[in-house]
Structure formats: C-alpha cells, structure tokens
Amino acid sequence: MVVVSTTDLELPIVSKAVKKAISLPEDLAAEAEAIACEENKSFSAVVQDALRTLKRSRLRGEFQDLRSYWSTRARAKGVLSERELKRLLRR
C-alpha cells in the first residue's frame, strides 16, 4: 500500500505504509478515536500525528541539550556573544 501525505510545505511525500497491531489502554484508545472523529481523520492518522509530534519534541530536546553544552563550553573559553564567536571562527 502506498500512502501520500503532505508536509507543512505542502510537498507530497510518498511512503510505503506498514501495518502494525498495537495495544492501547481503553481510555487512550477512546481519546484517539474521539480526536479522529473531531478532526475527520482515521485512527491511524491520529497515531501517526502523535508519533511525529513526539519525534519533533525529542529532537527539540536534543537540540536544546547540545546548544546548552556548546554555550557552556563557549562561555568557558570567554566567548560571550555571537560576534565574538564569528571573530574566532574567522581565524
């Protein structure tokens, strides 16, 4: 089965769908079904959206961790502004 979806940029993405069986607690399954009805989506689309949101959230967290790490390292070297960083990188 081939599924065509769109991204925020409205560019078509073609991917192969893989069927998986999952188990959900009753309350979570009911909530997902309600969301599907409210948004006129399939249950599968709601689960896909949730997984994409989780992935984005994790990536955002990883980015913030990396930024914090490198900001700390830069401050330890005396780099306090983006201007100073650019100056050092030109060397």
C-alpha atoms as a PDB file:
ATOM      1  CA  MET A   1       0.000   0.000   0.000  1.00  0.00           C
ATOM      2  CA  VAL A   2       1.351   3.469  -0.864  1.00  0.00           C
ATOM      3  CA  VAL A   3       0.281   6.446   1.224  1.00  0.00           C
ATOM      4  CA  VAL A   4       0.549  10.021   0.002  1.00  0.00           C
ATOM      5  CA  SER A   5       0.620  12.724   2.649  1.00  0.00           C
ATOM      6  CA  THR A   6       1.648  16.360   2.744  1.00  0.00           C
ATOM      7  CA  THR A   7       4.033  18.240   4.983  1.00  0.00           C
ATOM      8  CA  ASP A   8       3.811  21.799   6.242  1.00  0.00           C
ATOM      9  CA  LEU A   9       5.377  22.845   2.928  1.00  0.00           C
ATOM     10  CA  GLU A  10       2.589  21.108   1.011  1.00  0.00           C
ATOM     11  CA  LEU A  11       5.076  18.916  -0.854  1.00  0.00           C
ATOM     12  CA  PRO A  12       3.765  15.387  -1.467  1.00  0.00           C
ATOM     13  CA  ILE A  13       5.568  12.609   0.345  1.00  0.00           C
ATOM     14  CA  VAL A  14       5.172   9.075  -0.923  1.00  0.00           C
ATOM     15  CA  SER A  15       5.906   6.320   1.528  1.00  0.00           C
ATOM     16  CA  LYS A  16       5.054   2.691   1.997  1.00  0.00           C
ATOM     17  CA  ALA A  17       2.688   2.004   4.848  1.00  0.00           C
ATOM     18  CA  VAL A  18       3.435  -0.871   7.190  1.00  0.00           C
ATOM     19  CA  LYS A  19       0.564  -2.417   9.100  1.00  0.00           C
ATOM     20  CA  LYS A  20       1.206  -2.879  12.825  1.00  0.00           C
ATOM     21  CA  ALA A  21      -1.063  -4.066  15.611  1.00  0.00           C
ATOM     22  CA  ILE A  22      -0.777  -2.045  18.818  1.00  0.00           C
ATOM     23  CA  SER A  23      -2.415  -2.372  22.206  1.00  0.00           C
ATOM     24  CA  LEU A  24      -3.730   0.731  23.953  1.00  0.00           C
ATOM     25  CA  PRO A  25      -5.442   1.222  27.289  1.00  0.00           C
ATOM     26  CA  GLU A  26      -9.186   1.745  26.817  1.00  0.00           C
ATOM     27  CA  ASP A  27      -9.093   5.411  27.815  1.00  0.00           C
ATOM     28  CA  LEU A  28      -6.265   6.230  25.409  1.00  0.00           C
ATOM     29  CA  ALA A  29      -7.932   4.347  22.560  1.00  0.00           C
ATOM     30  CA  ALA A  30     -11.210   6.180  23.227  1.00  0.00           C
ATOM     31  CA  GLU A  31      -9.402   9.523  23.275  1.00  0.00           C
ATOM     32  CA  ALA A  32      -7.648   8.744  19.982  1.00  0.00           C
ATOM     33  CA  GLU A  33     -10.975   7.718  18.410  1.00  0.00           C
ATOM     34  CA  ALA A  34     -12.579  10.960  19.635  1.00  0.00           C
ATOM     35  CA  ILE A  35      -9.742  13.018  18.161  1.00  0.00           C
ATOM     36  CA  ALA A  36     -10.074  11.130  14.880  1.00  0.00           C
ATOM     37  CA  CYS A  37     -13.796  11.950  14.740  1.00  0.00           C
ATOM     38  CA  GLU A  38     -13.290  15.607  15.721  1.00  0.00           C
ATOM     39  CA  GLU A  39     -10.567  16.136  13.126  1.00  0.00           C
ATOM     40  CA  ASN A  40     -12.183  13.939  10.473  1.00  0.00           C
ATOM     41  CA  LYS A  41      -9.101  11.702  10.352  1.00  0.00           C
ATOM     42  CA  SER A  42      -8.512   7.999  10.565  1.00  0.00           C
ATOM     43  CA  PHE A  43      -7.339   6.422  13.803  1.00  0.00           C
ATOM     44  CA  SER A  44      -4.085   5.634  12.012  1.00  0.00           C
ATOM     45  CA  ALA A  45      -3.583   9.296  11.060  1.00  0.00           C
ATOM     46  CA  VAL A  46      -4.066  10.343  14.699  1.00  0.00           C
ATOM     47  CA  VAL A  47      -1.416   7.837  15.833  1.00  0.00           C
ATOM     48  CA  GLN A  48       0.937   8.999  13.062  1.00  0.00           C
ATOM     49  CA  ASP A  49       0.479  12.628  14.123  1.00  0.00           C
ATOM     50  CA  ALA A  50       1.184  11.712  17.746  1.00  0.00           C
ATOM     51  CA  LEU A  51       4.383   9.880  16.814  1.00  0.00           C
ATOM     52  CA  ARG A  52       5.578  12.751  14.621  1.00  0.00           C
ATOM     53  CA  THR A  53       4.879  15.190  17.462  1.00  0.00           C
ATOM     54  CA  LEU A  54       6.833  13.004  19.886  1.00  0.00           C
ATOM     55  CA  LYS A  55       9.750  12.765  17.446  1.00  0.00           C
ATOM     56  CA  ARG A  56       9.782  16.561  16.979  1.00  0.00           C
ATOM     57  CA  SER A  57       9.701  17.059  20.743  1.00  0.00           C
ATOM     58  CA  ARG A  58      12.612  14.680  21.288  1.00  0.00           C
ATOM     59  CA  LEU A  59      14.664  16.355  18.559  1.00  0.00           C
ATOM     60  CA  ARG A  60      13.931  19.761  20.077  1.00  0.00           C
ATOM     61  CA  GLY A  61      15.129  18.485  23.452  1.00  0.00           C
ATOM     62  CA  GLU A  62      18.314  17.056  21.933  1.00  0.00           C
ATOM     63  CA  PHE A  63      18.968  20.361  20.173  1.00  0.00           C
ATOM     64  CA  GLN A  64      18.495  22.299  23.414  1.00  0.00           C
ATOM     65  CA  ASP A  65      20.875  19.931  25.213  1.00  0.00           C
ATOM     66  CA  LEU A  66      23.518  20.403  22.517  1.00  0.00           C
ATOM     67  CA  ARG A  67      23.064  24.170  22.493  1.00  0.00           C
ATOM     68  CA  SER A  68      23.423  24.270  26.269  1.00  0.00           C
ATOM     69  CA  TYR A  69      26.561  22.122  26.137  1.00  0.00           C
ATOM     70  CA  TRP A  70      28.263  24.239  23.488  1.00  0.00           C
ATOM     71  CA  SER A  71      27.145  27.517  25.074  1.00  0.00           C
ATOM     72  CA  THR A  72      28.737  26.414  28.339  1.00  0.00           C
ATOM     73  CA  ARG A  73      31.945  25.474  26.518  1.00  0.00           C
ATOM     74  CA  ALA A  74      31.983  28.809  24.666  1.00  0.00           C
ATOM     75  CA  ARG A  75      31.479  30.798  27.889  1.00  0.00           C
ATOM     76  CA  ALA A  76      34.337  28.840  29.487  1.00  0.00           C
ATOM     77  CA  LYS A  77      36.560  29.991  26.597  1.00  0.00           C
ATOM     78  CA  GLY A  78      35.422  33.584  27.027  1.00  0.00           C
ATOM     79  CA  VAL A  79      33.052  33.703  24.069  1.00  0.00           C
ATOM     80  CA  LEU A  80      30.092  35.718  25.293  1.00  0.00           C
ATOM     81  CA  SER A  81      28.469  36.863  22.052  1.00  0.00           C
ATOM     82  CA  GLU A  82      27.790  35.675  18.552  1.00  0.00           C
ATOM     83  CA  ARG A  83      30.024  38.475  17.302  1.00  0.00           C
ATOM     84  CA  GLU A  84      32.986  37.111  19.304  1.00  0.00           C
ATOM     85  CA  LEU A  85      32.260  33.610  18.025  1.00  0.00           C
ATOM     86  CA  LYS A  86      32.302  34.788  14.403  1.00  0.00           C
ATOM     87  CA  ARG A  87      35.585  36.584  15.030  1.00  0.00           C
ATOM     88  CA  LEU A  88      37.171  33.433  16.462  1.00  0.00           C
ATOM     89  CA  LEU A  89      35.865  31.252  13.642  1.00  0.00           C
ATOM     90  CA  ARG A  90      37.447  33.537  11.017  1.00  0.00           C
ATOM     91  CA  ARG A  91      40.923  32.839  12.395  1.00  0.00           C
END
